[in-house]
Amino acid sequence: MIVEYNLEANGTIPNYIADGGYFLKANDKASPQDWDMIGIAASDGTYIPETLTVLNKAALITRLTNLGWKTFNYDIGEYVDATEEEIEAYVDNFINTHDT
């Protein structure tokens, strides 16, 4: 399950996150909880808070679009804004690789 989460107040990754730290977005919380992150919730029976926001493909596409996702253009040697198709392909790959 793909979820949005924050670090614990002491700066550690919550124990209910198996793999995380993706697609960071600043928020108005105090450090070290000042970033909303995307992660994969643990599937080993670890308690997962019901308050977490679960994200689907459309939500991930919206998040990357709103973040101004970039892709590296090898022809010109720099990062450029990703197209809608590139973002969708990236999200598809992320989901296929990470969603359990």
PDB file of N, CA and C in Angstrom:
ATOM      1  N   MET A   1       0.842  -1.159   0.000  1.00  0.00           N
ATOM      2  CA  MET A   1       0.000   0.000   0.000  1.00  0.00           C
ATOM      3  C   MET A   1       0.905   1.246   0.000  1.00  0.00           C
ATOM      4  N   ILE A   2       0.637   2.156  -0.913  1.00  0.00           N
ATOM      5  CA  ILE A   2       1.409   3.392  -1.035  1.00  0.00           C
ATOM      6  C   ILE A   2       0.724   4.462  -0.191  1.00  0.00           C
ATOM      7  N   VAL A   3       1.505   5.087   0.712  1.00  0.00           N
ATOM      8  CA  VAL A   3       0.944   6.050   1.657  1.00  0.00           C
ATOM      9  C   VAL A   3       1.801   7.305   1.741  1.00  0.00           C
ATOM     10  N   GLU A   4       1.169   8.383   2.218  1.00  0.00           N
ATOM     11  CA  GLU A   4       1.896   9.603   2.541  1.00  0.00           C
ATOM     12  C   GLU A   4       2.149   9.597   4.045  1.00  0.00           C
ATOM     13  N   TYR A   5       3.362   9.974   4.456  1.00  0.00           N
ATOM     14  CA  TYR A   5       3.709   9.960   5.870  1.00  0.00           C
ATOM     15  C   TYR A   5       4.710  11.066   6.174  1.00  0.00           C
ATOM     16  N   ASN A   6       4.987  11.238   7.464  1.00  0.00           N
ATOM     17  CA  ASN A   6       6.020  12.152   7.944  1.00  0.00           C
ATOM     18  C   ASN A   6       6.964  11.381   8.842  1.00  0.00           C
ATOM     19  N   LEU A   7       8.155  11.911   9.003  1.00  0.00           N
ATOM     20  CA  LEU A   7       9.081  11.319   9.961  1.00  0.00           C
ATOM     21  C   LEU A   7       8.501  11.441  11.370  1.00  0.00           C
ATOM     22  N   GLU A   8       9.001  10.613  12.278  1.00  0.00           N
ATOM     23  CA  GLU A   8       8.624  10.734  13.680  1.00  0.00           C
ATOM     24  C   GLU A   8       9.211  12.043  14.224  1.00  0.00           C
ATOM     25  N   ALA A   9       8.750  12.491  15.377  1.00  0.00           N
ATOM     26  CA  ALA A   9       9.227  13.738  15.978  1.00  0.00           C
ATOM     27  C   ALA A   9      10.727  13.721  16.230  1.00  0.00           C
ATOM     28  N   ASN A  10      11.301  12.515  16.434  1.00  0.00           N
ATOM     29  CA  ASN A  10      12.746  12.410  16.670  1.00  0.00           C
ATOM     30  C   ASN A  10      13.543  12.258  15.371  1.00  0.00           C
ATOM     31  N   GLY A  11      12.862  12.333  14.215  1.00  0.00           N
ATOM     32  CA  GLY A  11      13.544  12.284  12.925  1.00  0.00           C
ATOM     33  C   GLY A  11      13.697  10.902  12.330  1.00  0.00           C
ATOM     34  N   THR A  12      13.136   9.878  12.969  1.00  0.00           N
ATOM     35  CA  THR A  12      13.256   8.519  12.440  1.00  0.00           C
ATOM     36  C   THR A  12      12.079   8.183  11.528  1.00  0.00           C
ATOM     37  N   ILE A  13      12.292   7.186  10.690  1.00  0.00           N
ATOM     38  CA  ILE A  13      11.228   6.685   9.815  1.00  0.00           C
ATOM     39  C   ILE A  13      10.269   5.858  10.661  1.00  0.00           C
ATOM     40  N   PRO A  14       8.965   6.071  10.519  1.00  0.00           N
ATOM     41  CA  PRO A  14       8.012   5.280  11.301  1.00  0.00           C
ATOM     42  C   PRO A  14       8.192   3.779  11.026  1.00  0.00           C
ATOM     43  N   ASN A  15       7.941   2.958  12.046  1.00  0.00           N
ATOM     44  CA  ASN A  15       8.143   1.516  11.880  1.00  0.00           C
ATOM     45  C   ASN A  15       7.132   0.886  10.930  1.00  0.00           C
ATOM     46  N   TYR A  16       6.054   1.596  10.607  1.00  0.00           N
ATOM     47  CA  TYR A  16       5.067   1.054   9.677  1.00  0.00           C
ATOM     48  C   TYR A  16       5.417   1.343   8.212  1.00  0.00           C
ATOM     49  N   ILE A  17       6.562   1.965   7.950  1.00  0.00           N
ATOM     50  CA  ILE A  17       7.020   2.225   6.583  1.00  0.00           C
ATOM     51  C   ILE A  17       8.128   1.237   6.239  1.00  0.00           C
ATOM     52  N   ALA A  18       7.884   0.412   5.212  1.00  0.00           N
ATOM     53  CA  ALA A  18       8.868  -0.580   4.790  1.00  0.00           C
ATOM     54  C   ALA A  18       9.903   0.026   3.849  1.00  0.00           C
ATOM     55  N   ASP A  19       9.488   0.989   3.046  1.00  0.00           N
ATOM     56  CA  ASP A  19      10.371   1.633   2.070  1.00  0.00           C
ATOM     57  C   ASP A  19       9.810   3.024   1.835  1.00  0.00           C
ATOM     58  N   GLY A  20      10.607   4.049   2.051  1.00  0.00           N
ATOM     59  CA  GLY A  20      10.045   5.386   1.936  1.00  0.00           C
ATOM     60  C   GLY A  20      11.042   6.445   1.542  1.00  0.00           C
ATOM     61  N   GLY A  21      10.564   7.679   1.630  1.00  0.00           N
ATOM     62  CA  GLY A  21      11.390   8.826   1.308  1.00  0.00           C
ATOM     63  C   GLY A  21      11.227   9.300  -0.120  1.00  0.00           C
ATOM     64  N   TYR A  22      10.108   8.959  -0.755  1.00  0.00           N
ATOM     65  CA  TYR A  22       9.887   9.316  -2.155  1.00  0.00           C
ATOM     66  C   TYR A  22       9.025  10.571  -2.280  1.00  0.00           C
ATOM     67  N   PHE A  23       9.258  11.342  -3.338  1.00  0.00           N
ATOM     68  CA  PHE A  23       8.398  12.452  -3.763  1.00  0.00           C
ATOM     69  C   PHE A  23       8.106  13.433  -2.623  1.00  0.00           C
ATOM     70  N   LEU A  24       9.147  13.983  -2.037  1.00  0.00           N
ATOM     71  CA  LEU A  24       9.024  14.903  -0.909  1.00  0.00           C
ATOM     72  C   LEU A  24       8.308  16.185  -1.295  1.00  0.00           C
ATOM     73  N   LYS A  25       7.463  16.640  -0.371  1.00  0.00           N
ATOM     74  CA  LYS A  25       6.714  17.877  -0.561  1.00  0.00           C
ATOM     75  C   LYS A  25       6.744  18.630   0.767  1.00  0.00           C
ATOM     76  N   ALA A  26       7.193  19.872   0.749  1.00  0.00           N
ATOM     77  CA  ALA A  26       7.262  20.678   1.970  1.00  0.00           C
ATOM     78  C   ALA A  26       5.864  20.892   2.545  1.00  0.00           C
ATOM     79  N   ASN A  27       5.808  20.956   3.889  1.00  0.00           N
ATOM     80  CA  ASN A  27       4.555  21.280   4.567  1.00  0.00           C
ATOM     81  C   ASN A  27       4.838  22.345   5.627  1.00  0.00           C
ATOM     82  N   ASP A  28       3.857  22.660   6.445  1.00  0.00           N
ATOM     83  CA  ASP A  28       4.047  23.728   7.428  1.00  0.00           C
ATOM     84  C   ASP A  28       4.380  23.224   8.826  1.00  0.00           C
ATOM     85  N   LYS A  29       4.762  21.966   8.951  1.00  0.00           N
ATOM     86  CA  LYS A  29       5.122  21.402  10.250  1.00  0.00           C
ATOM     87  C   LYS A  29       6.565  21.759  10.602  1.00  0.00           C
ATOM     88  N   ALA A  30       6.899  21.630  11.875  1.00  0.00           N
ATOM     89  CA  ALA A  30       8.262  21.904  12.337  1.00  0.00           C
ATOM     90  C   ALA A  30       9.192  20.752  11.959  1.00  0.00           C
ATOM     91  N   SER A  31      10.454  21.070  11.737  1.00  0.00           N
ATOM     92  CA  SER A  31      11.467  20.069  11.448  1.00  0.00           C
ATOM     93  C   SER A  31      11.584  19.117  12.640  1.00  0.00           C
ATOM     94  N   PRO A  32      11.742  17.840  12.444  1.00  0.00           N
ATOM     95  CA  PRO A  32      12.055  17.135  11.201  1.00  0.00           C
ATOM     96  C   PRO A  32      10.828  16.611  10.466  1.00  0.00           C
ATOM     97  N   GLN A  33       9.637  17.098  10.818  1.00  0.00           N
ATOM     98  CA  GLN A  33       8.410  16.615  10.196  1.00  0.00           C
ATOM     99  C   GLN A  33       7.902  17.575   9.125  1.00  0.00           C
ATOM    100  N   ASP A  34       8.806  18.354   8.546  1.00  0.00           N
ATOM    101  CA  ASP A  34       8.433  19.405   7.606  1.00  0.00           C
ATOM    102  C   ASP A  34       8.371  18.955   6.149  1.00  0.00           C
ATOM    103  N   TRP A  35       8.351  17.654   5.942  1.00  0.00           N
ATOM    104  CA  TRP A  35       8.216  17.101   4.594  1.00  0.00           C
ATOM    105  C   TRP A  35       7.165  15.996   4.603  1.00  0.00           C
ATOM    106  N   ASP A  36       6.234  16.049   3.653  1.00  0.00           N
ATOM    107  CA  ASP A  36       5.328  14.935   3.402  1.00  0.00           C
ATOM    108  C   ASP A  36       6.057  14.012   2.439  1.00  0.00           C
ATOM    109  N   MET A  37       6.121  12.731   2.771  1.00  0.00           N
ATOM    110  CA  MET A  37       6.852  11.757   1.962  1.00  0.00           C
ATOM    111  C   MET A  37       5.927  10.632   1.526  1.00  0.00           C
ATOM    112  N   ILE A  38       6.310   9.990   0.460  1.00  0.00           N
ATOM    113  CA  ILE A  38       5.587   8.821  -0.018  1.00  0.00           C
ATOM    114  C   ILE A  38       6.402   7.589   0.350  1.00  0.00           C
ATOM    115  N   GLY A  39       5.701   6.571   0.809  1.00  0.00           N
ATOM    116  CA  GLY A  39       6.376   5.333   1.173  1.00  0.00           C
ATOM    117  C   GLY A  39       5.461   4.142   0.999  1.00  0.00           C
ATOM    118  N   ILE A  40       6.035   2.988   1.232  1.00  0.00           N
ATOM    119  CA  ILE A  40       5.305   1.729   1.140  1.00  0.00           C
ATOM    120  C   ILE A  40       5.071   1.245   2.563  1.00  0.00           C
ATOM    121  N   ALA A  41       3.816   1.046   2.910  1.00  0.00           N
ATOM    122  CA  ALA A  41       3.475   0.596   4.254  1.00  0.00           C
ATOM    123  C   ALA A  41       3.921  -0.851   4.444  1.00  0.00           C
ATOM    124  N   ALA A  42       4.334  -1.158   5.654  1.00  0.00           N
ATOM    125  CA  ALA A  42       4.760  -2.513   5.996  1.00  0.00           C
ATOM    126  C   ALA A  42       3.612  -3.496   5.768  1.00  0.00           C
ATOM    127  N   SER A  43       3.948  -4.675   5.321  1.00  0.00           N
ATOM    128  CA  SER A  43       2.923  -5.703   5.081  1.00  0.00           C
ATOM    129  C   SER A  43       3.147  -6.916   5.973  1.00  0.00           C
ATOM    130  N   ASP A  44       3.892  -6.723   7.057  1.00  0.00           N
ATOM    131  CA  ASP A  44       4.235  -7.845   7.934  1.00  0.00           C
ATOM    132  C   ASP A  44       3.393  -7.894   9.201  1.00  0.00           C
ATOM    133  N   GLY A  45       2.260  -7.200   9.203  1.00  0.00           N
ATOM    134  CA  GLY A  45       1.402  -7.187  10.382  1.00  0.00           C
ATOM    135  C   GLY A  45       1.659  -6.024  11.314  1.00  0.00           C
ATOM    136  N   THR A  46       2.637  -5.184  10.987  1.00  0.00           N
ATOM    137  CA  THR A  46       2.919  -3.988  11.780  1.00  0.00           C
ATOM    138  C   THR A  46       1.687  -3.093  11.773  1.00  0.00           C
ATOM    139  N   TYR A  47       1.400  -2.482  12.925  1.00  0.00           N
ATOM    140  CA  TYR A  47       0.265  -1.560  13.017  1.00  0.00           C
ATOM    141  C   TYR A  47       0.464  -0.402  12.049  1.00  0.00           C
ATOM    142  N   ILE A  48      -0.567  -0.101  11.260  1.00  0.00           N
ATOM    143  CA  ILE A  48      -0.538   1.019  10.317  1.00  0.00           C
ATOM    144  C   ILE A  48      -1.662   1.979  10.713  1.00  0.00           C
ATOM    145  N   PRO A  49      -1.330   3.222  11.057  1.00  0.00           N
ATOM    146  CA  PRO A  49      -2.365   4.175  11.473  1.00  0.00           C
ATOM    147  C   PRO A  49      -3.433   4.375  10.393  1.00  0.00           C
ATOM    148  N   GLU A  50      -4.674   4.441  10.826  1.00  0.00           N
ATOM    149  CA  GLU A  50      -5.781   4.654   9.887  1.00  0.00           C
ATOM    150  C   GLU A  50      -5.788   6.067   9.327  1.00  0.00           C
ATOM    151  N   THR A  51      -5.034   6.953   9.934  1.00  0.00           N
ATOM    152  CA  THR A  51      -5.020   8.355   9.511  1.00  0.00           C
ATOM    153  C   THR A  51      -4.109   8.610   8.304  1.00  0.00           C
ATOM    154  N   LEU A  52      -3.332   7.613   7.894  1.00  0.00           N
ATOM    155  CA  LEU A  52      -2.454   7.798   6.737  1.00  0.00           C
ATOM    156  C   LEU A  52      -3.270   7.994   5.475  1.00  0.00           C
ATOM    157  N   THR A  53      -2.761   8.802   4.587  1.00  0.00           N
ATOM    158  CA  THR A  53      -3.393   8.989   3.287  1.00  0.00           C
ATOM    159  C   THR A  53      -2.858   7.934   2.341  1.00  0.00           C
ATOM    160  N   VAL A  54      -3.752   7.113   1.789  1.00  0.00           N
ATOM    161  CA  VAL A  54      -3.377   6.094   0.809  1.00  0.00           C
ATOM    162  C   VAL A  54      -3.464   6.733  -0.567  1.00  0.00           C
ATOM    163  N   LEU A  55      -2.439   6.481  -1.392  1.00  0.00           N
ATOM    164  CA  LEU A  55      -2.405   7.085  -2.724  1.00  0.00           C
ATOM    165  C   LEU A  55      -2.567   6.027  -3.801  1.00  0.00           C
ATOM    166  N   ASN A  56      -3.324   6.391  -4.823  1.00  0.00           N
ATOM    167  CA  ASN A  56      -3.470   5.537  -6.000  1.00  0.00           C
ATOM    168  C   ASN A  56      -2.713   6.179  -7.164  1.00  0.00           C
ATOM    169  N   LYS A  57      -2.842   5.606  -8.324  1.00  0.00           N
ATOM    170  CA  LYS A  57      -2.115   6.100  -9.496  1.00  0.00           C
ATOM    171  C   LYS A  57      -2.443   7.560  -9.794  1.00  0.00           C
ATOM    172  N   ALA A  58      -3.716   7.911  -9.786  1.00  0.00           N
ATOM    173  CA  ALA A  58      -4.112   9.287 -10.102  1.00  0.00           C
ATOM    174  C   ALA A  58      -3.523  10.273  -9.097  1.00  0.00           C
ATOM    175  N   ALA A  59      -3.513   9.908  -7.810  1.00  0.00           N
ATOM    176  CA  ALA A  59      -2.974  10.787  -6.780  1.00  0.00           C
ATOM    177  C   ALA A  59      -1.474  10.974  -6.958  1.00  0.00           C
ATOM    178  N   LEU A  60      -0.763   9.918  -7.333  1.00  0.00           N
ATOM    179  CA  LEU A  60       0.680  10.039  -7.565  1.00  0.00           C
ATOM    180  C   LEU A  60       0.981  10.907  -8.783  1.00  0.00           C
ATOM    181  N   ILE A  61       0.195  10.741  -9.831  1.00  0.00           N
ATOM    182  CA  ILE A  61       0.381  11.567 -11.029  1.00  0.00           C
ATOM    183  C   ILE A  61       0.158  13.041 -10.677  1.00  0.00           C
ATOM    184  N   THR A  62      -0.891  13.325  -9.933  1.00  0.00           N
ATOM    185  CA  THR A  62      -1.175  14.697  -9.517  1.00  0.00           C
ATOM    186  C   THR A  62      -0.045  15.247  -8.673  1.00  0.00           C
ATOM    187  N   ARG A  63       0.463  14.432  -7.742  1.00  0.00           N
ATOM    188  CA  ARG A  63       1.555  14.885  -6.873  1.00  0.00           C
ATOM    189  C   ARG A  63       2.784  15.258  -7.696  1.00  0.00           C
ATOM    190  N   LEU A  64       3.194  14.388  -8.619  1.00  0.00           N
ATOM    191  CA  LEU A  64       4.383  14.671  -9.439  1.00  0.00           C
ATOM    192  C   LEU A  64       4.159  15.878 -10.346  1.00  0.00           C
ATOM    193  N   THR A  65       2.974  15.995 -10.888  1.00  0.00           N
ATOM    194  CA  THR A  65       2.658  17.144 -11.739  1.00  0.00           C
ATOM    195  C   THR A  65       2.754  18.428 -10.922  1.00  0.00           C
ATOM    196  N   ASN A  66       2.169  18.433  -9.721  1.00  0.00           N
ATOM    197  CA  ASN A  66       2.195  19.619  -8.867  1.00  0.00           C
ATOM    198  C   ASN A  66       3.595  19.942  -8.351  1.00  0.00           C
ATOM    199  N   LEU A  67       4.431  18.916  -8.200  1.00  0.00           N
ATOM    200  CA  LEU A  67       5.807  19.138  -7.762  1.00  0.00           C
ATOM    201  C   LEU A  67       6.686  19.675  -8.893  1.00  0.00           C
ATOM    202  N   GLY A  68       6.167  19.665 -10.128  1.00  0.00           N
ATOM    203  CA  GLY A  68       6.970  20.093 -11.267  1.00  0.00           C
ATOM    204  C   GLY A  68       8.060  19.083 -11.581  1.00  0.00           C
ATOM    205  N   TRP A  69       7.665  17.811 -11.650  1.00  0.00           N
ATOM    206  CA  TRP A  69       8.606  16.713 -11.859  1.00  0.00           C
ATOM    207  C   TRP A  69       9.489  16.967 -13.079  1.00  0.00           C
ATOM    208  N   LYS A  70      10.763  16.666 -12.929  1.00  0.00           N
ATOM    209  CA  LYS A  70      11.742  16.874 -14.001  1.00  0.00           C
ATOM    210  C   LYS A  70      12.258  15.519 -14.496  1.00  0.00           C
ATOM    211  N   THR A  71      12.708  15.508 -15.708  1.00  0.00           N
ATOM    212  CA  THR A  71      13.356  14.337 -16.287  1.00  0.00           C
ATOM    213  C   THR A  71      14.628  14.811 -16.985  1.00  0.00           C
ATOM    214  N   PHE A  72      15.623  13.956 -17.036  1.00  0.00           N
ATOM    215  CA  PHE A  72      16.890  14.363 -17.641  1.00  0.00           C
ATOM    216  C   PHE A  72      16.836  14.159 -19.148  1.00  0.00           C
ATOM    217  N   ASN A  73      17.122  15.220 -19.896  1.00  0.00           N
ATOM    218  CA  ASN A  73      17.166  15.160 -21.355  1.00  0.00           C
ATOM    219  C   ASN A  73      18.627  15.004 -21.761  1.00  0.00           C
ATOM    220  N   TYR A  74      18.998  13.824 -22.222  1.00  0.00           N
ATOM    221  CA  TYR A  74      20.385  13.541 -22.574  1.00  0.00           C
ATOM    222  C   TYR A  74      20.844  14.313 -23.809  1.00  0.00           C
ATOM    223  N   ASP A  75      19.906  14.684 -24.677  1.00  0.00           N
ATOM    224  CA  ASP A  75      20.277  15.428 -25.883  1.00  0.00           C
ATOM    225  C   ASP A  75      20.832  16.806 -25.556  1.00  0.00           C
ATOM    226  N   ILE A  76      20.280  17.449 -24.535  1.00  0.00           N
ATOM    227  CA  ILE A  76      20.750  18.787 -24.183  1.00  0.00           C
ATOM    228  C   ILE A  76      21.536  18.798 -22.866  1.00  0.00           C
ATOM    229  N   GLY A  77      21.556  17.655 -22.167  1.00  0.00           N
ATOM    230  CA  GLY A  77      22.351  17.530 -20.952  1.00  0.00           C
ATOM    231  C   GLY A  77      21.822  18.280 -19.742  1.00  0.00           C
ATOM    232  N   GLU A  78      20.507  18.383 -19.629  1.00  0.00           N
ATOM    233  CA  GLU A  78      19.939  19.050 -18.465  1.00  0.00           C
ATOM    234  C   GLU A  78      18.545  18.517 -18.162  1.00  0.00           C
ATOM    235  N   TYR A  79      18.061  18.858 -16.952  1.00  0.00           N
ATOM    236  CA  TYR A  79      16.717  18.460 -16.552  1.00  0.00           C
ATOM    237  C   TYR A  79      15.686  19.408 -17.154  1.00  0.00           C
ATOM    238  N   VAL A  80      14.588  18.826 -17.599  1.00  0.00           N
ATOM    239  CA  VAL A  80      13.485  19.596 -18.175  1.00  0.00           C
ATOM    240  C   VAL A  80      12.182  19.098 -17.550  1.00  0.00           C
ATOM    241  N   ASP A  81      11.132  19.904 -17.656  1.00  0.00           N
ATOM    242  CA  ASP A  81       9.830  19.477 -17.144  1.00  0.00           C
ATOM    243  C   ASP A  81       9.398  18.192 -17.837  1.00  0.00           C
ATOM    244  N   ALA A  82       8.937  17.237 -17.043  1.00  0.00           N
ATOM    245  CA  ALA A  82       8.458  15.977 -17.597  1.00  0.00           C
ATOM    246  C   ALA A  82       7.103  16.200 -18.269  1.00  0.00           C
ATOM    247  N   THR A  83       6.874  15.471 -19.334  1.00  0.00           N
ATOM    248  CA  THR A  83       5.575  15.523 -20.002  1.00  0.00           C
ATOM    249  C   THR A  83       4.575  14.684 -19.210  1.00  0.00           C
ATOM    250  N   GLU A  84       3.294  14.854 -19.512  1.00  0.00           N
ATOM    251  CA  GLU A  84       2.260  14.045 -18.868  1.00  0.00           C
ATOM    252  C   GLU A  84       2.519  12.565 -19.096  1.00  0.00           C
ATOM    253  N   GLU A  85       2.936  12.211 -20.298  1.00  0.00           N
ATOM    254  CA  GLU A  85       3.200  10.811 -20.627  1.00  0.00           C
ATOM    255  C   GLU A  85       4.387  10.270 -19.830  1.00  0.00           C
ATOM    256  N   GLU A  86       5.417  11.077 -19.651  1.00  0.00           N
ATOM    257  CA  GLU A  86       6.585  10.654 -18.875  1.00  0.00           C
ATOM    258  C   GLU A  86       6.222  10.463 -17.408  1.00  0.00           C
ATOM    259  N   ILE A  87       5.417  11.372 -16.887  1.00  0.00           N
ATOM    260  CA  ILE A  87       4.989  11.249 -15.492  1.00  0.00           C
ATOM    261  C   ILE A  87       4.151   9.998 -15.308  1.00  0.00           C
ATOM    262  N   GLU A  88       3.224   9.755 -16.209  1.00  0.00           N
ATOM    263  CA  GLU A  88       2.381   8.559 -16.102  1.00  0.00           C
ATOM    264  C   GLU A  88       3.212   7.285 -16.194  1.00  0.00           C
ATOM    265  N   ALA A  89       4.173   7.254 -17.093  1.00  0.00           N
ATOM    266  CA  ALA A  89       5.039   6.082 -17.224  1.00  0.00           C
ATOM    267  C   ALA A  89       5.877   5.879 -15.963  1.00  0.00           C
ATOM    268  N   TYR A  90       6.380   6.968 -15.389  1.00  0.00           N
ATOM    269  CA  TYR A  90       7.171   6.880 -14.168  1.00  0.00           C
ATOM    270  C   TYR A  90       6.321   6.349 -13.016  1.00  0.00           C
ATOM    271  N   VAL A  91       5.102   6.866 -12.894  1.00  0.00           N
ATOM    272  CA  VAL A  91       4.198   6.409 -11.837  1.00  0.00           C
ATOM    273  C   VAL A  91       3.848   4.936 -12.031  1.00  0.00           C
ATOM    274  N   ASP A  92       3.560   4.535 -13.261  1.00  0.00           N
ATOM    275  CA  ASP A  92       3.281   3.119 -13.531  1.00  0.00           C
ATOM    276  C   ASP A  92       4.447   2.249 -13.076  1.00  0.00           C
ATOM    277  N   ASN A  93       5.653   2.663 -13.400  1.00  0.00           N
ATOM    278  CA  ASN A  93       6.841   1.911 -13.002  1.00  0.00           C
ATOM    279  C   ASN A  93       6.992   1.880 -11.478  1.00  0.00           C
ATOM    280  N   PHE A  94       6.771   3.014 -10.835  1.00  0.00           N
ATOM    281  CA  PHE A  94       6.863   3.082  -9.375  1.00  0.00           C
ATOM    282  C   PHE A  94       5.857   2.128  -8.730  1.00  0.00           C
ATOM    283  N   ILE A  95       4.627   2.165  -9.204  1.00  0.00           N
ATOM    284  CA  ILE A  95       3.588   1.287  -8.648  1.00  0.00           C
ATOM    285  C   ILE A  95       3.938  -0.176  -8.880  1.00  0.00           C
ATOM    286  N   ASN A  96       4.353  -0.511 -10.082  1.00  0.00           N
ATOM    287  CA  ASN A  96       4.690  -1.901 -10.388  1.00  0.00           C
ATOM    288  C   ASN A  96       5.871  -2.391  -9.566  1.00  0.00           C
ATOM    289  N   THR A  97       6.791  -1.499  -9.245  1.00  0.00           N
ATOM    290  CA  THR A  97       7.988  -1.862  -8.492  1.00  0.00           C
ATOM    291  C   THR A  97       7.727  -1.893  -6.992  1.00  0.00           C
ATOM    292  N   HIS A  98       6.877  -0.987  -6.488  1.00  0.00           N
ATOM    293  CA  HIS A  98       6.763  -0.791  -5.046  1.00  0.00           C
ATOM    294  C   HIS A  98       5.455  -1.226  -4.406  1.00  0.00           C
ATOM    295  N   ASP A  99       4.362  -1.222  -5.132  1.00  0.00           N
ATOM    296  CA  ASP A  99       3.088  -1.519  -4.485  1.00  0.00           C
ATOM    297  C   ASP A  99       2.967  -3.007  -4.205  1.00  0.00           C
ATOM    298  N   THR A 100       2.652  -3.323  -2.970  1.00  0.00           N
ATOM    299  CA  THR A 100       2.528  -4.734  -2.578  1.00  0.00           C
ATOM    300  C   THR A 100       1.117  -5.085  -2.210  1.00  0.00           C
TER     301      THR A 100
END
